[in-house]
Amino acid sequence: MSDWTVLTELEEIDKFLEFVVDLHDGLVKEVHYINDNYVDRDRSMEYREKAQVRMLIQKQMSPLFFLELRFEGVSRLVLSPHEIIFGAEIKETGVDSPERSRFHFEFCYSNIEFDRMKWREVPDWHGREARFGEDFRPPPIMTEEW
């Protein structure tokens, strides 16, 4: 795996998207949503931080076929089951507040608002079995023998 490249400015993110051809002919293989907020045993709620998102992208077009993206300061995440990414775009939200994030990243019918992102190439994470961790899908409810 390669080192992380941190992107904090719109120009840097635009250059990244241009480099990876706007993720064209790619798909989101896996997503992890990590929220450090919580409800305690006494049912008090700690809400201090925006979330983080970890995403595995597999692409057919070069350069960089297999990528891990990490988004920090996530205030919005909308995922569509649309399978193929035909293009992606980024813009600044124009909002400077603790509730909203700085950037709006859109691909197909999905979007994410975040403050910072980083990416790295993960050349060995290809194919059906590539996962961040253990596969937790349950067995099918209906089988052919029913």
N, C-alpha and C. Protein backbone atom coordinates (compact mmCIF):
# COMPACT_ATOMS: atom_id res chain seq x y z
N MET A 1 0.83 -1.18 0.00
CA MET A 1 0.00 0.00 0.00
C MET A 1 0.88 1.24 0.00
N SER A 2 0.36 2.28 -0.60
CA SER A 2 1.11 3.52 -0.68
C SER A 2 0.82 4.41 0.52
N ASP A 3 1.58 5.50 0.61
CA ASP A 3 1.38 6.47 1.67
C ASP A 3 0.11 7.28 1.40
N TRP A 4 -0.42 7.86 2.45
CA TRP A 4 -1.61 8.70 2.34
C TRP A 4 -1.24 10.05 1.73
N THR A 5 -2.09 10.56 0.88
CA THR A 5 -2.00 11.93 0.36
C THR A 5 -3.17 12.71 0.95
N VAL A 6 -2.88 13.77 1.69
CA VAL A 6 -3.90 14.57 2.36
C VAL A 6 -4.30 15.72 1.45
N LEU A 7 -5.62 15.94 1.32
CA LEU A 7 -6.16 17.01 0.49
C LEU A 7 -7.04 17.90 1.36
N THR A 8 -6.67 19.18 1.45
CA THR A 8 -7.43 20.09 2.31
C THR A 8 -7.96 21.30 1.56
N GLU A 9 -7.53 21.50 0.32
CA GLU A 9 -7.96 22.65 -0.47
C GLU A 9 -8.71 22.19 -1.71
N LEU A 10 -9.65 22.99 -2.16
CA LEU A 10 -10.46 22.66 -3.34
C LEU A 10 -9.58 22.38 -4.56
N GLU A 11 -8.56 23.17 -4.78
CA GLU A 11 -7.66 22.97 -5.92
C GLU A 11 -6.98 21.60 -5.87
N GLU A 12 -6.56 21.18 -4.68
CA GLU A 12 -5.91 19.86 -4.52
C GLU A 12 -6.90 18.73 -4.85
N ILE A 13 -8.13 18.86 -4.38
CA ILE A 13 -9.13 17.83 -4.63
C ILE A 13 -9.50 17.80 -6.11
N ASP A 14 -9.61 18.95 -6.74
CA ASP A 14 -9.87 19.01 -8.19
C ASP A 14 -8.77 18.31 -8.97
N LYS A 15 -7.52 18.55 -8.61
CA LYS A 15 -6.39 17.90 -9.29
C LYS A 15 -6.43 16.39 -9.10
N PHE A 16 -6.79 15.95 -7.89
CA PHE A 16 -6.92 14.51 -7.64
C PHE A 16 -7.99 13.91 -8.54
N LEU A 17 -9.18 14.54 -8.60
CA LEU A 17 -10.26 14.01 -9.45
C LEU A 17 -9.86 14.00 -10.92
N GLU A 18 -9.14 15.02 -11.35
CA GLU A 18 -8.65 15.04 -12.74
C GLU A 18 -7.68 13.88 -12.97
N PHE A 19 -6.80 13.64 -12.00
CA PHE A 19 -5.81 12.56 -12.10
C PHE A 19 -6.47 11.19 -12.19
N VAL A 20 -7.54 10.97 -11.43
CA VAL A 20 -8.22 9.67 -11.44
C VAL A 20 -9.41 9.66 -12.39
N VAL A 21 -9.43 10.59 -13.33
CA VAL A 21 -10.46 10.68 -14.38
C VAL A 21 -11.86 10.70 -13.76
N ASP A 22 -12.03 11.51 -12.71
CA ASP A 22 -13.32 11.66 -12.02
C ASP A 22 -13.92 10.32 -11.57
N LEU A 23 -13.05 9.36 -11.28
CA LEU A 23 -13.45 8.01 -10.82
C LEU A 23 -14.29 7.28 -11.88
N HIS A 24 -14.20 7.70 -13.13
CA HIS A 24 -14.99 7.13 -14.22
C HIS A 24 -14.79 5.61 -14.30
N ASP A 25 -15.87 4.90 -14.59
CA ASP A 25 -15.89 3.44 -14.65
C ASP A 25 -15.41 2.82 -13.34
N GLY A 26 -15.82 3.43 -12.24
CA GLY A 26 -15.49 2.90 -10.93
C GLY A 26 -16.74 2.50 -10.19
N LEU A 27 -16.53 1.88 -9.04
CA LEU A 27 -17.66 1.54 -8.17
C LEU A 27 -17.21 1.60 -6.73
N VAL A 28 -18.18 1.85 -5.87
CA VAL A 28 -17.92 1.84 -4.43
C VAL A 28 -18.05 0.41 -3.96
N LYS A 29 -16.94 -0.17 -3.56
CA LYS A 29 -16.91 -1.57 -3.12
C LYS A 29 -17.37 -1.71 -1.67
N GLU A 30 -16.97 -0.75 -0.83
CA GLU A 30 -17.31 -0.85 0.59
C GLU A 30 -17.22 0.53 1.23
N VAL A 31 -18.04 0.77 2.24
CA VAL A 31 -18.05 2.03 2.98
C VAL A 31 -18.15 1.73 4.47
N HIS A 32 -17.34 2.43 5.26
CA HIS A 32 -17.45 2.37 6.72
C HIS A 32 -17.74 3.77 7.21
N TYR A 33 -18.77 3.90 8.05
CA TYR A 33 -19.15 5.16 8.66
C TYR A 33 -18.76 5.07 10.13
N ILE A 34 -17.95 6.01 10.58
CA ILE A 34 -17.44 5.97 11.95
C ILE A 34 -17.87 7.25 12.66
N ASN A 35 -18.63 7.08 13.74
CA ASN A 35 -19.15 8.21 14.49
C ASN A 35 -18.64 8.08 15.92
N ASP A 36 -17.94 9.09 16.40
CA ASP A 36 -17.40 9.05 17.76
C ASP A 36 -18.37 9.59 18.80
N ASN A 37 -19.55 10.01 18.38
CA ASN A 37 -20.58 10.44 19.33
C ASN A 37 -21.24 9.20 19.93
N TYR A 38 -21.89 9.36 21.06
CA TYR A 38 -22.46 8.17 21.70
C TYR A 38 -23.52 8.54 22.73
N VAL A 39 -24.29 7.53 23.14
CA VAL A 39 -25.23 7.63 24.25
C VAL A 39 -24.66 6.77 25.37
N ASP A 40 -24.50 7.36 26.54
CA ASP A 40 -23.90 6.67 27.67
C ASP A 40 -24.93 5.82 28.41
N ARG A 41 -24.47 5.03 29.38
CA ARG A 41 -25.34 4.15 30.15
C ARG A 41 -26.49 4.91 30.81
N ASP A 42 -26.21 6.13 31.27
CA ASP A 42 -27.26 6.93 31.90
C ASP A 42 -28.12 7.67 30.86
N ARG A 43 -27.97 7.32 29.60
CA ARG A 43 -28.70 7.85 28.45
C ARG A 43 -28.39 9.31 28.15
N SER A 44 -27.26 9.80 28.69
CA SER A 44 -26.80 11.13 28.30
C SER A 44 -26.09 10.99 26.95
N MET A 45 -26.22 12.01 26.14
CA MET A 45 -25.65 11.93 24.80
C MET A 45 -24.44 12.85 24.68
N GLU A 46 -23.37 12.32 24.16
CA GLU A 46 -22.17 13.11 23.86
C GLU A 46 -22.14 13.33 22.36
N TYR A 47 -22.27 14.57 21.96
CA TYR A 47 -22.27 14.92 20.54
C TYR A 47 -21.28 16.04 20.34
N ARG A 48 -20.07 15.68 19.93
CA ARG A 48 -19.02 16.67 19.81
C ARG A 48 -18.40 16.72 18.42
N GLU A 49 -18.39 15.63 17.74
CA GLU A 49 -17.61 15.52 16.51
C GLU A 49 -18.48 15.18 15.30
N LYS A 50 -17.99 15.60 14.14
CA LYS A 50 -18.58 15.12 12.89
C LYS A 50 -17.99 13.73 12.65
N ALA A 51 -18.57 13.00 11.75
CA ALA A 51 -18.18 11.61 11.51
C ALA A 51 -16.98 11.51 10.57
N GLN A 52 -16.53 10.26 10.39
CA GLN A 52 -15.50 9.92 9.41
C GLN A 52 -16.07 8.82 8.52
N VAL A 53 -15.63 8.80 7.27
CA VAL A 53 -16.07 7.79 6.32
C VAL A 53 -14.84 7.22 5.62
N ARG A 54 -14.82 5.92 5.51
CA ARG A 54 -13.76 5.19 4.82
C ARG A 54 -14.40 4.49 3.63
N MET A 55 -13.82 4.64 2.43
CA MET A 55 -14.46 4.13 1.22
C MET A 55 -13.43 3.41 0.34
N LEU A 56 -13.79 2.23 -0.14
CA LEU A 56 -12.96 1.48 -1.08
C LEU A 56 -13.56 1.62 -2.47
N ILE A 57 -12.77 2.15 -3.42
CA ILE A 57 -13.20 2.35 -4.79
C ILE A 57 -12.38 1.43 -5.69
N GLN A 58 -13.06 0.71 -6.58
CA GLN A 58 -12.39 -0.09 -7.60
C GLN A 58 -12.77 0.49 -8.96
N LYS A 59 -11.76 0.67 -9.83
CA LYS A 59 -11.98 1.30 -11.14
C LYS A 59 -11.45 0.43 -12.26
N GLN A 60 -12.03 0.62 -13.46
CA GLN A 60 -11.53 -0.06 -14.66
C GLN A 60 -10.51 0.80 -15.40
N MET A 61 -10.62 2.12 -15.29
CA MET A 61 -9.76 3.02 -16.05
C MET A 61 -8.52 3.40 -15.26
N SER A 62 -7.39 3.47 -15.95
CA SER A 62 -6.16 3.92 -15.31
C SER A 62 -6.17 5.45 -15.29
N PRO A 63 -5.38 6.09 -14.49
CA PRO A 63 -4.46 5.46 -13.55
C PRO A 63 -5.17 5.11 -12.24
N LEU A 64 -4.51 4.40 -11.42
CA LEU A 64 -5.01 4.01 -10.10
C LEU A 64 -6.33 3.26 -10.16
N PHE A 65 -6.25 1.97 -10.16
CA PHE A 65 -7.43 1.12 -10.27
C PHE A 65 -8.12 0.86 -8.93
N PHE A 66 -7.36 0.87 -7.85
CA PHE A 66 -7.91 0.51 -6.54
C PHE A 66 -7.47 1.57 -5.53
N LEU A 67 -8.47 2.25 -4.93
CA LEU A 67 -8.21 3.40 -4.06
C LEU A 67 -8.95 3.27 -2.74
N GLU A 68 -8.33 3.75 -1.69
CA GLU A 68 -9.01 3.93 -0.42
C GLU A 68 -9.13 5.43 -0.19
N LEU A 69 -10.34 5.90 0.07
CA LEU A 69 -10.59 7.31 0.38
C LEU A 69 -11.03 7.41 1.82
N ARG A 70 -10.55 8.42 2.51
CA ARG A 70 -11.00 8.70 3.87
C ARG A 70 -11.46 10.15 3.94
N PHE A 71 -12.65 10.33 4.48
CA PHE A 71 -13.24 11.66 4.62
C PHE A 71 -13.37 11.95 6.11
N GLU A 72 -12.93 13.14 6.51
CA GLU A 72 -13.02 13.55 7.91
C GLU A 72 -13.92 14.77 8.02
N GLY A 73 -14.55 14.94 9.16
CA GLY A 73 -15.45 16.07 9.36
C GLY A 73 -16.69 15.94 8.50
N VAL A 74 -17.24 14.73 8.45
CA VAL A 74 -18.40 14.46 7.58
C VAL A 74 -19.68 14.93 8.28
N SER A 75 -20.44 15.78 7.59
CA SER A 75 -21.71 16.24 8.13
C SER A 75 -22.90 15.71 7.32
N ARG A 76 -22.62 15.08 6.17
CA ARG A 76 -23.70 14.53 5.34
C ARG A 76 -23.14 13.38 4.52
N LEU A 77 -23.91 12.29 4.47
CA LEU A 77 -23.55 11.13 3.65
C LEU A 77 -24.83 10.56 3.05
N VAL A 78 -24.92 10.56 1.73
CA VAL A 78 -26.06 9.99 1.02
C VAL A 78 -25.49 8.99 0.01
N LEU A 79 -25.85 7.72 0.19
CA LEU A 79 -25.35 6.68 -0.71
C LEU A 79 -26.50 6.11 -1.52
N SER A 80 -26.26 5.97 -2.79
CA SER A 80 -27.22 5.35 -3.69
C SER A 80 -26.67 3.99 -4.10
N PRO A 81 -27.53 3.01 -4.28
CA PRO A 81 -27.04 1.70 -4.69
C PRO A 81 -26.61 1.66 -6.16
N HIS A 82 -26.61 2.81 -6.83
CA HIS A 82 -26.16 2.86 -8.21
C HIS A 82 -24.76 2.27 -8.27
N GLU A 83 -24.51 1.37 -9.17
CA GLU A 83 -23.27 0.61 -9.10
C GLU A 83 -22.09 1.21 -9.84
N ILE A 84 -22.28 1.93 -10.93
CA ILE A 84 -21.15 2.41 -11.71
C ILE A 84 -21.03 3.93 -11.57
N ILE A 85 -19.81 4.39 -11.30
CA ILE A 85 -19.53 5.82 -11.22
C ILE A 85 -19.13 6.27 -12.62
N PHE A 86 -19.88 7.21 -13.17
CA PHE A 86 -19.55 7.74 -14.50
C PHE A 86 -18.76 9.04 -14.40
N GLY A 87 -18.78 9.66 -13.24
CA GLY A 87 -18.05 10.90 -13.03
C GLY A 87 -18.27 11.41 -11.63
N ALA A 88 -17.44 12.35 -11.23
CA ALA A 88 -17.54 12.92 -9.88
C ALA A 88 -17.18 14.39 -9.96
N GLU A 89 -17.74 15.15 -9.02
CA GLU A 89 -17.38 16.57 -8.95
C GLU A 89 -17.35 17.02 -7.50
N ILE A 90 -16.59 18.08 -7.30
CA ILE A 90 -16.42 18.62 -5.95
C ILE A 90 -16.68 20.12 -6.00
N LYS A 91 -17.26 20.64 -4.93
CA LYS A 91 -17.41 22.09 -4.81
C LYS A 91 -17.37 22.45 -3.34
N GLU A 92 -17.07 23.72 -3.08
CA GLU A 92 -17.11 24.19 -1.70
C GLU A 92 -18.56 24.51 -1.35
N THR A 93 -18.95 24.23 -0.12
CA THR A 93 -20.33 24.47 0.29
C THR A 93 -20.60 25.95 0.52
N GLY A 94 -19.54 26.71 0.78
CA GLY A 94 -19.73 28.13 1.06
C GLY A 94 -20.24 28.40 2.45
N VAL A 95 -20.26 27.36 3.28
CA VAL A 95 -20.77 27.49 4.65
C VAL A 95 -19.61 27.29 5.61
N ASP A 96 -19.48 28.17 6.56
CA ASP A 96 -18.45 28.05 7.59
C ASP A 96 -19.15 27.95 8.94
N SER A 97 -19.51 26.71 9.30
CA SER A 97 -20.19 26.51 10.57
C SER A 97 -19.83 25.14 11.13
N PRO A 98 -19.99 24.96 12.45
CA PRO A 98 -19.66 23.65 13.04
C PRO A 98 -20.61 22.53 12.58
N GLU A 99 -21.82 22.89 12.13
CA GLU A 99 -22.79 21.87 11.72
C GLU A 99 -22.59 21.39 10.29
N ARG A 100 -22.10 22.24 9.43
CA ARG A 100 -21.93 21.90 8.01
C ARG A 100 -20.46 21.73 7.69
N SER A 101 -20.18 20.92 6.70
CA SER A 101 -18.81 20.69 6.26
C SER A 101 -18.44 21.60 5.10
N ARG A 102 -17.18 21.64 4.79
CA ARG A 102 -16.63 22.59 3.85
C ARG A 102 -16.82 22.20 2.38
N PHE A 103 -16.71 20.90 2.07
CA PHE A 103 -16.77 20.44 0.68
C PHE A 103 -17.97 19.55 0.43
N HIS A 104 -18.48 19.60 -0.79
CA HIS A 104 -19.58 18.75 -1.24
C HIS A 104 -19.06 17.93 -2.42
N PHE A 105 -18.97 16.61 -2.25
CA PHE A 105 -18.44 15.68 -3.24
C PHE A 105 -19.61 14.86 -3.76
N GLU A 106 -19.80 14.86 -5.07
CA GLU A 106 -20.95 14.17 -5.65
C GLU A 106 -20.49 13.21 -6.74
N PHE A 107 -21.04 11.99 -6.69
CA PHE A 107 -20.80 11.01 -7.74
C PHE A 107 -22.07 10.20 -7.91
N CYS A 108 -22.50 10.06 -9.17
CA CYS A 108 -23.78 9.42 -9.47
C CYS A 108 -24.87 10.07 -8.62
N TYR A 109 -25.61 9.29 -7.88
CA TYR A 109 -26.67 9.83 -7.02
C TYR A 109 -26.25 9.86 -5.56
N SER A 110 -24.97 9.77 -5.31
CA SER A 110 -24.44 9.78 -3.95
C SER A 110 -23.71 11.09 -3.70
N ASN A 111 -23.64 11.49 -2.44
CA ASN A 111 -22.85 12.67 -2.11
C ASN A 111 -22.41 12.62 -0.66
N ILE A 112 -21.35 13.37 -0.40
CA ILE A 112 -20.78 13.42 0.94
C ILE A 112 -20.27 14.84 1.17
N GLU A 113 -20.55 15.39 2.35
CA GLU A 113 -20.01 16.68 2.73
C GLU A 113 -18.97 16.46 3.82
N PHE A 114 -17.80 17.06 3.65
CA PHE A 114 -16.67 16.78 4.54
C PHE A 114 -15.77 18.00 4.64
N ASP A 115 -14.85 17.97 5.61
CA ASP A 115 -13.88 19.05 5.79
C ASP A 115 -12.51 18.72 5.20
N ARG A 116 -12.09 17.46 5.29
CA ARG A 116 -10.78 17.04 4.80
C ARG A 116 -10.90 15.65 4.21
N MET A 117 -10.01 15.34 3.27
CA MET A 117 -9.97 13.98 2.75
C MET A 117 -8.53 13.56 2.53
N LYS A 118 -8.33 12.26 2.49
CA LYS A 118 -7.04 11.72 2.10
C LYS A 118 -7.28 10.47 1.29
N TRP A 119 -6.29 10.11 0.50
CA TRP A 119 -6.44 8.94 -0.36
C TRP A 119 -5.10 8.20 -0.45
N ARG A 120 -5.20 6.93 -0.80
CA ARG A 120 -4.01 6.14 -1.09
C ARG A 120 -4.38 5.05 -2.07
N GLU A 121 -3.39 4.62 -2.82
CA GLU A 121 -3.57 3.51 -3.73
C GLU A 121 -3.46 2.22 -2.92
N VAL A 122 -4.35 1.25 -3.21
CA VAL A 122 -4.34 -0.05 -2.53
C VAL A 122 -4.35 -1.13 -3.62
N PRO A 123 -3.21 -1.35 -4.28
CA PRO A 123 -3.17 -2.21 -5.48
C PRO A 123 -3.57 -3.66 -5.25
N ASP A 124 -3.50 -4.14 -4.02
CA ASP A 124 -3.86 -5.54 -3.76
C ASP A 124 -5.32 -5.74 -3.39
N TRP A 125 -6.09 -4.67 -3.30
CA TRP A 125 -7.50 -4.76 -2.91
C TRP A 125 -8.38 -4.78 -4.14
N HIS A 126 -8.30 -5.86 -4.88
CA HIS A 126 -9.08 -6.00 -6.11
C HIS A 126 -9.93 -7.26 -6.05
N GLY A 127 -10.94 -7.29 -6.90
CA GLY A 127 -11.77 -8.48 -7.00
C GLY A 127 -12.87 -8.54 -5.97
N ARG A 128 -13.61 -9.62 -6.05
CA ARG A 128 -14.80 -9.83 -5.23
C ARG A 128 -14.49 -9.89 -3.74
N GLU A 129 -13.38 -10.49 -3.37
CA GLU A 129 -13.08 -10.73 -1.96
C GLU A 129 -12.41 -9.55 -1.25
N ALA A 130 -12.08 -8.48 -1.97
CA ALA A 130 -11.42 -7.33 -1.35
C ALA A 130 -12.35 -6.68 -0.33
N ARG A 131 -11.90 -6.56 0.90
CA ARG A 131 -12.70 -5.99 1.99
C ARG A 131 -11.77 -5.28 2.96
N PHE A 132 -12.33 -4.31 3.69
CA PHE A 132 -11.59 -3.67 4.78
C PHE A 132 -11.38 -4.65 5.92
N GLY A 133 -12.35 -5.50 6.13
CA GLY A 133 -12.29 -6.44 7.24
C GLY A 133 -13.08 -7.69 6.90
N GLU A 134 -13.53 -8.37 7.92
CA GLU A 134 -14.27 -9.61 7.75
C GLU A 134 -15.61 -9.36 7.03
N ASP A 135 -15.97 -10.26 6.14
CA ASP A 135 -17.25 -10.17 5.44
C ASP A 135 -18.35 -10.58 6.42
N PHE A 136 -19.30 -9.69 6.65
CA PHE A 136 -20.33 -9.94 7.66
C PHE A 136 -21.71 -10.15 7.05
N ARG A 137 -21.78 -10.36 5.73
CA ARG A 137 -23.10 -10.57 5.12
C ARG A 137 -23.73 -11.86 5.62
N PRO A 138 -24.99 -11.81 6.02
CA PRO A 138 -25.67 -13.03 6.47
C PRO A 138 -25.98 -13.93 5.28
N PRO A 139 -26.21 -15.22 5.54
CA PRO A 139 -26.59 -16.11 4.44
C PRO A 139 -27.96 -15.72 3.91
N PRO A 140 -28.26 -16.06 2.66
CA PRO A 140 -29.57 -15.69 2.10
C PRO A 140 -30.70 -16.34 2.88
N ILE A 141 -31.83 -15.62 2.95
CA ILE A 141 -33.01 -16.12 3.65
C ILE A 141 -33.64 -17.27 2.86
N MET A 142 -33.77 -17.09 1.57
CA MET A 142 -34.39 -18.11 0.71
C MET A 142 -33.28 -18.87 -0.02
N THR A 143 -33.44 -20.15 -0.11
CA THR A 143 -32.49 -20.96 -0.87
C THR A 143 -33.23 -21.63 -2.00
N GLU A 144 -32.49 -22.24 -2.90
CA GLU A 144 -33.13 -22.92 -4.03
C GLU A 144 -33.93 -24.13 -3.60
N GLU A 145 -33.65 -24.68 -2.41
CA GLU A 145 -34.36 -25.86 -1.94
C GLU A 145 -35.67 -25.55 -1.24
N TRP A 146 -36.11 -24.36 -1.15
CA TRP A 146 -37.30 -24.03 -0.38
C TRP A 146 -38.50 -24.62 -1.02
